[in-house]
C-alpha atoms as a PDB file:
ATOM      1  CA  MET A   1     -48.887-111.967-200.945  1.00  0.00           C
ATOM      2  CA  ASN A   2     -45.649-110.668-199.546  1.00  0.00           C
ATOM      3  CA  HIS A   3     -45.344-107.579-197.457  1.00  0.00           C
ATOM      4  CA  ILE A   4     -42.281-105.788-196.541  1.00  0.00           C
ATOM      5  CA  LEU A   5     -41.544-103.022-194.047  1.00  0.00           C
ATOM      6  CA  VAL A   6     -39.453 -99.963-194.942  1.00  0.00           C
ATOM      7  CA  PRO A   7     -38.884 -96.686-192.936  1.00  0.00           C
ATOM      8  CA  PRO A   8     -39.862 -93.567-194.766  1.00  0.00           C
ATOM      9  CA  LYS A   9     -37.130 -91.512-196.692  1.00  0.00           C
ATOM     10  CA  GLN A  10     -38.136 -91.276-200.436  1.00  0.00           C
ATOM     11  CA  ASN A  11     -40.248 -93.011-202.696  1.00  0.00           C
ATOM     12  CA  LEU A  12     -37.564 -94.566-204.862  1.00  0.00           C
ATOM     13  CA  ILE A  13     -37.666 -98.164-203.614  1.00  0.00           C
ATOM     14  CA  LEU A  14     -39.812 -99.650-206.306  1.00  0.00           C
ATOM     15  CA  GLU A  15     -41.811 -98.349-209.322  1.00  0.00           C
ATOM     16  CA  GLN A  16     -45.443 -98.806-208.149  1.00  0.00           C
ATOM     17  CA  ASP A  17     -47.475-100.923-210.462  1.00  0.00           C
ATOM     18  CA  SER A  18     -50.844-102.698-210.290  1.00  0.00           C
ATOM     19  CA  GLY A  19     -49.356-105.595-208.300  1.00  0.00           C
ATOM     20  CA  THR A  20     -47.609-103.363-205.612  1.00  0.00           C
ATOM     21  CA  ASP A  21     -49.051-101.297-202.942  1.00  0.00           C
ATOM     22  CA  ILE A  22     -46.988 -98.694-201.106  1.00  0.00           C
ATOM     23  CA  VAL A  23     -48.838 -98.016-197.739  1.00  0.00           C
ATOM     24  CA  LEU A  24     -47.694 -94.922-196.094  1.00  0.00           C
ATOM     25  CA  GLU A  25     -47.823 -94.093-192.465  1.00  0.00           C
ATOM     26  CA  PRO A  26     -51.169 -92.907-191.271  1.00  0.00           C
ATOM     27  CA  VAL A  27     -49.947 -89.500-190.073  1.00  0.00           C
ATOM     28  CA  GLU A  28     -53.169 -87.661-191.146  1.00  0.00           C
ATOM     29  CA  LYS A  29     -55.161 -89.897-188.867  1.00  0.00           C
ATOM     30  CA  TRP A  30     -52.951 -88.856-185.950  1.00  0.00           C
ATOM     31  CA  GLN A  31     -53.486 -85.230-186.933  1.00  0.00           C
ATOM     32  CA  ASN A  32     -57.150 -85.352-187.183  1.00  0.00           C
ATOM     33  CA  VAL A  33     -58.921 -87.402-184.451  1.00  0.00           C
ATOM     34  CA  LYS A  34     -62.570 -86.478-184.535  1.00  0.00           C
ATOM     35  CA  SER A  35     -64.922 -86.707-181.626  1.00  0.00           C
ATOM     36  CA  LYS A  36     -68.277 -88.374-182.055  1.00  0.00           C
ATOM     37  CA  SER A  37     -71.432 -86.337-181.303  1.00  0.00           C
ATOM     38  CA  THR A  38     -75.036 -87.378-181.106  1.00  0.00           C
ATOM     39  CA  ASP A  39     -76.197 -83.912-181.964  1.00  0.00           C
ATOM     40  CA  LEU A  40     -76.376 -83.361-185.737  1.00  0.00           C
ATOM     41  CA  CYS A  41     -76.213 -79.653-185.230  1.00  0.00           C
ATOM     42  CA  GLU A  42     -73.166 -79.699-183.045  1.00  0.00           C
ATOM     43  CA  SER A  43     -69.773 -79.294-184.632  1.00  0.00           C
ATOM     44  CA  ARG A  44     -67.269 -82.186-184.024  1.00  0.00           C
ATOM     45  CA  GLN A  45     -64.101 -81.470-182.086  1.00  0.00           C
ATOM     46  CA  THR A  46     -60.834 -82.387-183.913  1.00  0.00           C
ATOM     47  CA  TYR A  47     -57.695 -83.379-182.015  1.00  0.00           C
ATOM     48  CA  ASN A  48     -54.113 -83.513-183.217  1.00  0.00           C
ATOM     49  CA  ILE A  49     -52.656 -86.359-181.061  1.00  0.00           C
ATOM     50  CA  LEU A  50     -49.373 -86.062-182.723  1.00  0.00           C
ATOM     51  CA  ASP A  51     -48.963 -82.364-181.728  1.00  0.00           C
ATOM     52  CA  VAL A  52     -50.269 -83.168-178.224  1.00  0.00           C
ATOM     53  CA  PHE A  53     -47.876 -85.884-177.770  1.00  0.00           C
ATOM     54  CA  TYR A  54     -44.891 -83.726-178.672  1.00  0.00           C
ATOM     55  CA  ASP A  55     -46.035 -80.798-176.599  1.00  0.00           C
ATOM     56  CA  ALA A  56     -46.544 -82.996-173.501  1.00  0.00           C
ATOM     57  CA  PRO A  57     -45.012 -86.430-174.087  1.00  0.00           C
ATOM     58  CA  GLU A  58     -44.811 -87.205-170.294  1.00  0.00           C
ATOM     59  CA  ARG A  59     -48.720 -86.997-170.195  1.00  0.00           C
ATOM     60  CA  TYR A  60     -49.782 -88.393-173.571  1.00  0.00           C
ATOM     61  CA  ALA A  61     -46.964 -90.983-174.483  1.00  0.00           C
ATOM     62  CA  TYR A  62     -49.155 -94.018-173.640  1.00  0.00           C
ATOM     63  CA  THR A  63     -52.358 -92.495-175.221  1.00  0.00           C
ATOM     64  CA  PHE A  64     -50.446 -91.704-178.494  1.00  0.00           C
ATOM     65  CA  GLN A  65     -48.635 -95.045-178.704  1.00  0.00           C
ATOM     66  CA  HIS A  66     -51.930 -96.863-178.122  1.00  0.00           C
ATOM     67  CA  TYR A  67     -53.701 -94.905-180.816  1.00  0.00           C
ATOM     68  CA  VAL A  68     -50.737 -95.416-183.293  1.00  0.00           C
ATOM     69  CA  PHE A  69     -50.875 -99.136-182.721  1.00  0.00           C
ATOM     70  CA  MET A  70     -54.508 -99.203-183.522  1.00  0.00           C
ATOM     71  CA  THR A  71     -54.276 -97.216-186.647  1.00  0.00           C
ATOM     72  CA  ARG A  72     -51.420 -99.267-187.909  1.00  0.00           C
ATOM     73  CA  TYR A  73     -53.314-102.521-186.968  1.00  0.00           C
ATOM     74  CA  LEU A  74     -56.444-101.315-188.920  1.00  0.00           C
ATOM     75  CA  GLN A  75     -54.262-100.040-191.911  1.00  0.00           C
ATOM     76  CA  GLU A  76     -52.547-103.431-192.265  1.00  0.00           C
ATOM     77  CA  ILE A  77     -56.086-105.141-192.438  1.00  0.00           C
ATOM     78  CA  GLU A  78     -57.599-102.466-194.552  1.00  0.00           C
ATOM     79  CA  SER A  79     -54.701-102.657-197.174  1.00  0.00           C
ATOM     80  CA  ARG A  80     -55.021-106.359-197.976  1.00  0.00           C
ATOM     81  CA  ARG A  81     -56.252-106.787-201.440  1.00  0.00           C
ATOM     82  CA  GLU A  82     -56.368-109.976-203.554  1.00  0.00           C
ATOM     83  CA  ASN A  83     -54.862-108.313-206.706  1.00  0.00           C
ATOM     84  CA  VAL A  84     -51.783-107.161-204.857  1.00  0.00           C
ATOM     85  CA  SER A  85     -48.685-109.397-204.810  1.00  0.00           C
ATOM     86  CA  LEU A  86     -46.501-107.092-202.789  1.00  0.00           C
ATOM     87  CA  ARG A  87     -47.074-104.575-200.110  1.00  0.00           C
ATOM     88  CA  ILE A  88     -44.521-102.102-198.777  1.00  0.00           C
ATOM     89  CA  LEU A  89     -45.425-100.630-195.559  1.00  0.00           C
ATOM     90  CA  GLU A  90     -43.783 -97.550-194.079  1.00  0.00           C
ATOM     91  CA  ARG A  91     -43.183 -98.950-190.517  1.00  0.00           C
ATOM     92  CA  SER A  92     -45.415-101.220-188.444  1.00  0.00           C
ATOM     93  CA  VAL A  93     -46.690-102.190-185.117  1.00  0.00           C
ATOM     94  CA  PHE A  94     -43.212-103.776-184.482  1.00  0.00           C
ATOM     95  CA  SER A  95     -41.559-100.424-184.836  1.00  0.00           C
ATOM     96  CA  ASP A  96     -43.839 -99.181-182.160  1.00  0.00           C
ATOM     97  CA  LYS A  97     -42.762-101.651-179.667  1.00  0.00           C
ATOM     98  CA  MET A  98     -39.170-102.152-180.447  1.00  0.00           C
ATOM     99  CA  ILE A  99     -38.343 -98.427-181.092  1.00  0.00           C
ATOM    100  CA  PHE A 100     -40.750 -95.837-179.915  1.00  0.00           C
ATOM    101  CA  VAL A 101     -42.466 -97.408-176.827  1.00  0.00           C
ATOM    102  CA  GLU A 102     -39.047 -98.285-175.487  1.00  0.00           C
ATOM    103  CA  SER A 103     -37.724 -94.906-176.134  1.00  0.00           C
ATOM    104  CA  VAL A 104     -40.621 -93.117-174.367  1.00  0.00           C
ATOM    105  CA  HIS A 105     -40.462 -95.440-171.430  1.00  0.00           C
ATOM    106  CA  GLU A 106     -36.642 -94.882-171.089  1.00  0.00           C
ATOM    107  CA  ASN A 107     -37.192 -91.161-171.245  1.00  0.00           C
ATOM    108  CA  GLY A 108     -39.639 -91.351-168.330  1.00  0.00           C
ATOM    109  CA  TRP A 109     -42.519 -90.408-170.463  1.00  0.00           C
ATOM    110  CA  MET A 110     -44.305 -93.700-170.057  1.00  0.00           C
ATOM    111  CA  SER A 111     -44.464 -95.297-166.534  1.00  0.00           C
ATOM    112  CA  ASP A 112     -43.678 -98.923-165.757  1.00  0.00           C
ATOM    113  CA  MET A 113     -47.269 -99.437-165.128  1.00  0.00           C
ATOM    114  CA  GLU A 114     -48.233 -97.966-168.481  1.00  0.00           C
ATOM    115  CA  LEU A 115     -45.526-100.115-170.207  1.00  0.00           C
ATOM    116  CA  ALA A 116     -47.017-103.242-168.523  1.00  0.00           C
ATOM    117  CA  LEU A 117     -50.512-102.110-169.712  1.00  0.00           C
ATOM    118  CA  PHE A 118     -49.273-101.706-173.297  1.00  0.00           C
ATOM    119  CA  ASN A 119     -47.501-105.155-173.375  1.00  0.00           C
ATOM    120  CA  SER A 120     -50.541-106.709-171.723  1.00  0.00           C
ATOM    121  CA  TRP A 121     -52.697-106.247-174.882  1.00  0.00           C
ATOM    122  CA  TYR A 122     -49.863-105.691-177.549  1.00  0.00           C
ATOM    123  CA  ASP A 123     -48.466-109.211-177.096  1.00  0.00           C
ATOM    124  CA  PRO A 124     -51.826-111.213-177.451  1.00  0.00           C
ATOM    125  CA  MET A 125     -52.968-109.114-180.440  1.00  0.00           C
ATOM    126  CA  VAL A 126     -49.773-109.710-182.305  1.00  0.00           C
ATOM    127  CA  HIS A 127     -49.962-113.390-181.358  1.00  0.00           C
ATOM    128  CA  VAL A 128     -53.440-113.825-182.862  1.00  0.00           C
ATOM    129  CA  SER A 129     -52.545-111.753-185.913  1.00  0.00           C
ATOM    130  CA  PRO A 130     -49.770-113.655-187.856  1.00  0.00           C
ATOM    131  CA  ASN A 131     -50.397-111.527-190.994  1.00  0.00           C
ATOM    132  CA  LEU A 132     -48.698-108.595-189.152  1.00  0.00           C
ATOM    133  CA  VAL A 133     -45.288-110.416-189.328  1.00  0.00           C
ATOM    134  CA  PRO A 134     -43.546-109.236-192.513  1.00  0.00           C
ATOM    135  CA  ASP A 135     -41.614-111.314-194.930  1.00  0.00           C
ATOM    136  CA  GLY A 136     -38.729-108.875-194.851  1.00  0.00           C
ATOM    137  CA  PHE A 137     -37.555-105.430-193.622  1.00  0.00           C
ATOM    138  CA  ILE A 138     -35.743-102.792-195.613  1.00  0.00           C
ATOM    139  CA  TYR A 139     -33.645-100.592-193.277  1.00  0.00           C
ATOM    140  CA  LEU A 140     -32.691 -97.280-194.815  1.00  0.00           C
ATOM    141  CA  ARG A 141     -29.729 -96.766-192.575  1.00  0.00           C
ATOM    142  CA  THR A 142     -29.324 -93.020-191.803  1.00  0.00           C
ATOM    143  CA  SER A 143     -27.447 -91.069-189.053  1.00  0.00           C
ATOM    144  CA  ALA A 144     -29.406 -89.000-186.585  1.00  0.00           C
ATOM    145  CA  ALA A 145     -27.714 -85.864-187.819  1.00  0.00           C
ATOM    146  CA  THR A 146     -28.992 -86.483-191.336  1.00  0.00           C
ATOM    147  CA  CYS A 147     -32.440 -87.297-189.994  1.00  0.00           C
ATOM    148  CA  MET A 148     -32.536 -84.042-188.247  1.00  0.00           C
ATOM    149  CA  ARG A 149     -31.573 -82.148-191.282  1.00  0.00           C
ATOM    150  CA  ARG A 150     -34.206 -83.950-193.432  1.00  0.00           C
ATOM    151  CA  LEU A 151     -36.849 -83.350-190.561  1.00  0.00           C
ATOM    152  CA  LYS A 152     -36.213 -79.644-190.666  1.00  0.00           C
ATOM    153  CA  GLN A 153     -36.598 -79.660-194.546  1.00  0.00           C
ATOM    154  CA  ARG A 154     -39.932 -81.536-194.151  1.00  0.00           C
ATOM    155  CA  ALA A 155     -41.014 -78.838-191.875  1.00  0.00           C
ATOM    156  CA  ARG A 156     -43.901 -80.785-190.192  1.00  0.00           C
ATOM    157  CA  GLY A 157     -45.382 -78.319-187.649  1.00  0.00           C
ATOM    158  CA  GLU A 158     -45.630 -80.891-184.777  1.00  0.00           C
ATOM    159  CA  GLU A 159     -41.867 -81.725-184.918  1.00  0.00           C
ATOM    160  CA  THR A 160     -40.372 -78.374-184.412  1.00  0.00           C
ATOM    161  CA  GLY A 161     -39.332 -79.155-180.799  1.00  0.00           C
ATOM    162  CA  ILE A 162     -37.587 -82.421-181.453  1.00  0.00           C
ATOM    163  CA  GLN A 163     -33.997 -82.593-180.244  1.00  0.00           C
ATOM    164  CA  LEU A 164     -31.028 -84.344-181.813  1.00  0.00           C
ATOM    165  CA  ASP A 165     -30.439 -86.491-178.771  1.00  0.00           C
ATOM    166  CA  TYR A 166     -34.047 -88.012-179.146  1.00  0.00           C
ATOM    167  CA  LEU A 167     -33.259 -88.798-182.774  1.00  0.00           C
ATOM    168  CA  GLN A 168     -29.946 -90.301-181.695  1.00  0.00           C
ATOM    169  CA  THR A 169     -31.815 -92.605-179.269  1.00  0.00           C
ATOM    170  CA  LEU A 170     -34.179 -93.751-182.016  1.00  0.00           C
ATOM    171  CA  HIS A 171     -31.226 -94.373-184.319  1.00  0.00           C
ATOM    172  CA  GLU A 172     -29.399 -96.573-181.765  1.00  0.00           C
ATOM    173  CA  LYS A 173     -32.598 -98.583-181.253  1.00  0.00           C
ATOM    174  CA  HIS A 174     -32.947 -99.101-184.938  1.00  0.00           C
ATOM    175  CA  GLU A 175     -29.305-100.213-185.144  1.00  0.00           C
ATOM    176  CA  ALA A 176     -29.684-102.727-182.298  1.00  0.00           C
ATOM    177  CA  TRP A 177     -32.812-104.198-183.928  1.00  0.00           C
ATOM    178  CA  LEU A 178     -32.246-103.896-187.702  1.00  0.00           C
ATOM    179  CA  TYR A 179     -28.390-104.070-187.969  1.00  0.00           C
ATOM    180  CA  PRO A 180     -27.487-107.044-185.866  1.00  0.00           C
ATOM    181  CA  PRO A 181     -24.053-108.784-186.264  1.00  0.00           C
ATOM    182  CA  VAL A 182     -23.681-111.169-189.153  1.00  0.00           C
ATOM    183  CA  THR A 183     -23.283-114.106-186.852  1.00  0.00           C
ATOM    184  CA  ARG A 184     -26.455-116.200-186.962  1.00  0.00           C
ATOM    185  CA  GLU A 185     -24.611-119.525-187.496  1.00  0.00           C
ATOM    186  CA  ASP A 186     -27.552-121.313-185.695  1.00  0.00           C
ATOM    187  CA  SER A 187     -30.057-120.206-188.262  1.00  0.00           C
ATOM    188  CA  SER A 188     -31.186-122.646-190.821  1.00  0.00           C
ATOM    189  CA  THR A 189     -32.612-119.599-192.787  1.00  0.00           C
ATOM    190  CA  VAL A 190     -29.070-118.254-193.146  1.00  0.00           C
ATOM    191  CA  THR A 191     -27.572-121.586-194.126  1.00  0.00           C
ATOM    192  CA  TYR A 192     -30.192-121.786-196.944  1.00  0.00           C
ATOM    193  CA  ALA A 193     -29.724-118.237-198.021  1.00  0.00           C
ATOM    194  CA  ALA A 194     -26.039-118.615-198.412  1.00  0.00           C
ATOM    195  CA  ASP A 195     -26.628-121.247-201.138  1.00  0.00           C
ATOM    196  CA  ASP A 196     -29.327-119.364-202.904  1.00  0.00           C
ATOM    197  CA  SER A 197     -28.516-117.775-206.368  1.00  0.00           C
ATOM    198  CA  ILE A 198     -30.973-114.993-205.945  1.00  0.00           C
ATOM    199  CA  PHE A 199     -29.692-114.087-202.458  1.00  0.00           C
ATOM    200  CA  THR A 200     -26.072-113.918-203.818  1.00  0.00           C
ATOM    201  CA  ALA A 201     -26.836-110.493-205.529  1.00  0.00           C
ATOM    202  CA  VAL A 202     -27.637-109.028-202.195  1.00  0.00           C
ATOM    203  CA  ARG A 203     -25.620-111.093-199.752  1.00  0.00           C
ATOM    204  CA  ASP A 204     -23.500-108.449-198.246  1.00  0.00           C
ATOM    205  CA  LYS A 205     -26.471-106.141-197.600  1.00  0.00           C
ATOM    206  CA  VAL A 206     -28.743-108.626-195.838  1.00  0.00           C
ATOM    207  CA  ARG A 207     -28.956-109.471-192.161  1.00  0.00           C
ATOM    208  CA  PHE A 208     -31.519-111.340-190.077  1.00  0.00           C
ATOM    209  CA  VAL A 209     -33.555-110.350-187.148  1.00  0.00           C
ATOM    210  CA  ASP A 210     -31.869-111.735-184.092  1.00  0.00           C
ATOM    211  CA  ASP A 211     -34.056-110.391-181.180  1.00  0.00           C
ATOM    212  CA  ASP A 212     -36.080-112.353-178.714  1.00  0.00           C
ATOM    213  CA  ARG A 213     -38.486-109.555-177.703  1.00  0.00           C
ATOM    214  CA  VAL A 214     -40.817-110.594-180.541  1.00  0.00           C
ATOM    215  CA  SER A 215     -40.184-114.343-181.230  1.00  0.00           C
ATOM    216  CA  ALA A 216     -42.256-114.265-184.447  1.00  0.00           C
ATOM    217  CA  LEU A 217     -39.656-111.901-186.043  1.00  0.00           C
ATOM    218  CA  THR A 218     -36.617-114.032-185.426  1.00  0.00           C
ATOM    219  CA  GLY A 219     -34.832-114.885-188.657  1.00  0.00           C
ATOM    220  CA  VAL A 220     -36.909-112.373-190.799  1.00  0.00           C
ATOM    221  CA  PRO A 221     -34.352-110.965-193.466  1.00  0.00           C
ATOM    222  CA  ILE A 222     -33.433-107.405-193.387  1.00  0.00           C
ATOM    223  CA  LEU A 223     -32.003-105.478-196.485  1.00  0.00           C
ATOM    224  CA  VAL A 224     -29.714-102.731-195.195  1.00  0.00           C
ATOM    225  CA  LEU A 225     -29.321 -99.860-197.515  1.00  0.00           C
ATOM    226  CA  ASP A 226     -26.987 -96.812-196.825  1.00  0.00           C
ATOM    227  CA  TYR A 227     -29.267 -93.792-196.996  1.00  0.00           C
ATOM    228  CA  ASP A 228     -27.092 -91.150-195.360  1.00  0.00           C
ATOM    229  CA  VAL A 229     -26.462 -89.583-198.708  1.00  0.00           C
ATOM    230  CA  ASP A 230     -28.725 -87.127-200.527  1.00  0.00           C
ATOM    231  CA  PHE A 231     -29.617 -87.362-204.077  1.00  0.00           C
ATOM    232  CA  ASP A 232     -32.430 -86.238-206.362  1.00  0.00           C
ATOM    233  CA  VAL A 233     -34.323 -89.337-207.574  1.00  0.00           C
ATOM    234  CA  SER A 234     -35.905 -87.539-210.352  1.00  0.00           C
ATOM    235  CA  SER A 235     -32.576 -86.588-212.031  1.00  0.00           C
ATOM    236  CA  ASP A 236     -29.975 -89.112-210.707  1.00  0.00           C
ATOM    237  CA  GLU A 237     -31.245 -92.139-212.669  1.00  0.00           C
ATOM    238  CA  ARG A 238     -28.059 -94.234-212.070  1.00  0.00           C
ATOM    239  CA  VAL A 239     -28.266 -94.144-208.436  1.00  0.00           C
ATOM    240  CA  LYS A 240     -32.049 -94.664-208.416  1.00  0.00           C
ATOM    241  CA  GLN A 241     -31.606 -97.759-210.608  1.00  0.00           C
ATOM    242  CA  SER A 242     -28.863 -99.239-208.373  1.00  0.00           C
ATOM    243  CA  TYR A 243     -31.151 -98.993-205.351  1.00  0.00           C
ATOM    244  CA  GLN A 244     -34.134-100.334-207.203  1.00  0.00           C
ATOM    245  CA  LYS A 245     -32.049-103.406-208.374  1.00  0.00           C
ATOM    246  CA  LEU A 246     -31.051-104.196-204.907  1.00  0.00           C
ATOM    247  CA  VAL A 247     -34.597-104.005-203.642  1.00  0.00           C
ATOM    248  CA  GLU A 248     -35.963-106.076-206.583  1.00  0.00           C
ATOM    249  CA  ASN A 249     -33.327-108.689-205.917  1.00  0.00           C
ATOM    250  CA  PHE A 250     -34.246-108.661-202.206  1.00  0.00           C
ATOM    251  CA  VAL A 251     -38.040-109.016-203.075  1.00  0.00           C
ATOM    252  CA  SER A 252     -37.266-111.879-205.395  1.00  0.00           C
ATOM    253  CA  TYR A 253     -35.241-113.631-202.557  1.00  0.00           C
ATOM    254  CA  VAL A 254     -38.053-113.031-200.032  1.00  0.00           C
ATOM    255  CA  ARG A 255     -40.690-114.523-202.356  1.00  0.00           C
ATOM    256  CA  GLU A 256     -38.487-117.625-203.042  1.00  0.00           C
ATOM    257  CA  ARG A 257     -37.818-118.019-199.371  1.00  0.00           C
ATOM    258  CA  ARG A 258     -41.385-117.849-198.476  1.00  0.00           C
ATOM    259  CA  ASN A 259     -42.366-120.251-201.346  1.00  0.00           C
ATOM    260  CA  ARG A 260     -39.949-122.813-199.940  1.00  0.00           C
ATOM    261  CA  GLN A 261     -41.067-122.375-196.360  1.00  0.00           C
ATOM    262  CA  CYS A 262     -44.735-123.038-197.458  1.00  0.00           C
ATOM    263  CA  SER A 263     -43.818-126.029-199.299  1.00  0.00           C
ATOM    264  CA  GLU A 264     -41.870-127.763-196.507  1.00  0.00           C
END
């Protein structure tokens, strides 16, 4: 089974069928953390850890990122099914470390000690969980200003206090991780890809992870799509099909790439 990670924007990427699972971010779990009670007559307290984090990030950044990791980790395990040949996940535990944990630490919301604690259990868990490593990434490349406008349109209550400069920080970290220079001459993966007929259709939109913070991700292909424009996927069939064709070609390339790697 192949699994590919894609940030959330619109559900246009692929038509969902019986062989494809689209696994959305577990936001509802972050909004509804229920306490446990031994008293059957006692009502259970519900916590919105997403709201608590945005309200007091300097106090709850570590707590939030710890819980986010666990929900994503469990979600990845629970979404494995034998009859599914392709899973598209809306972010992953790698987004947590590479983007959000680094951002809250740099903002002073997570202390050096808390960052060390996070890494002390994060790295071993990823090491013993190879299924977490995706076969590919799809990066919907969008400016911070456009993200801010869409965030306001989404109108999620917990996000009303988010500032543009925070989104700009997140954007820059996504760029550094998922939009590296096309200069990986040392990668055998890239050498193979350049000669592959399937790859030719998406060659100018694919890059490869070149980051030593998580060594298991090195060389993983990234399909970069310009998503800074707005369109209605229900009415603009031409644009929708053009995006879908790129993704379908990328998925075909990822599958062929994995099959060859498994046979070597």
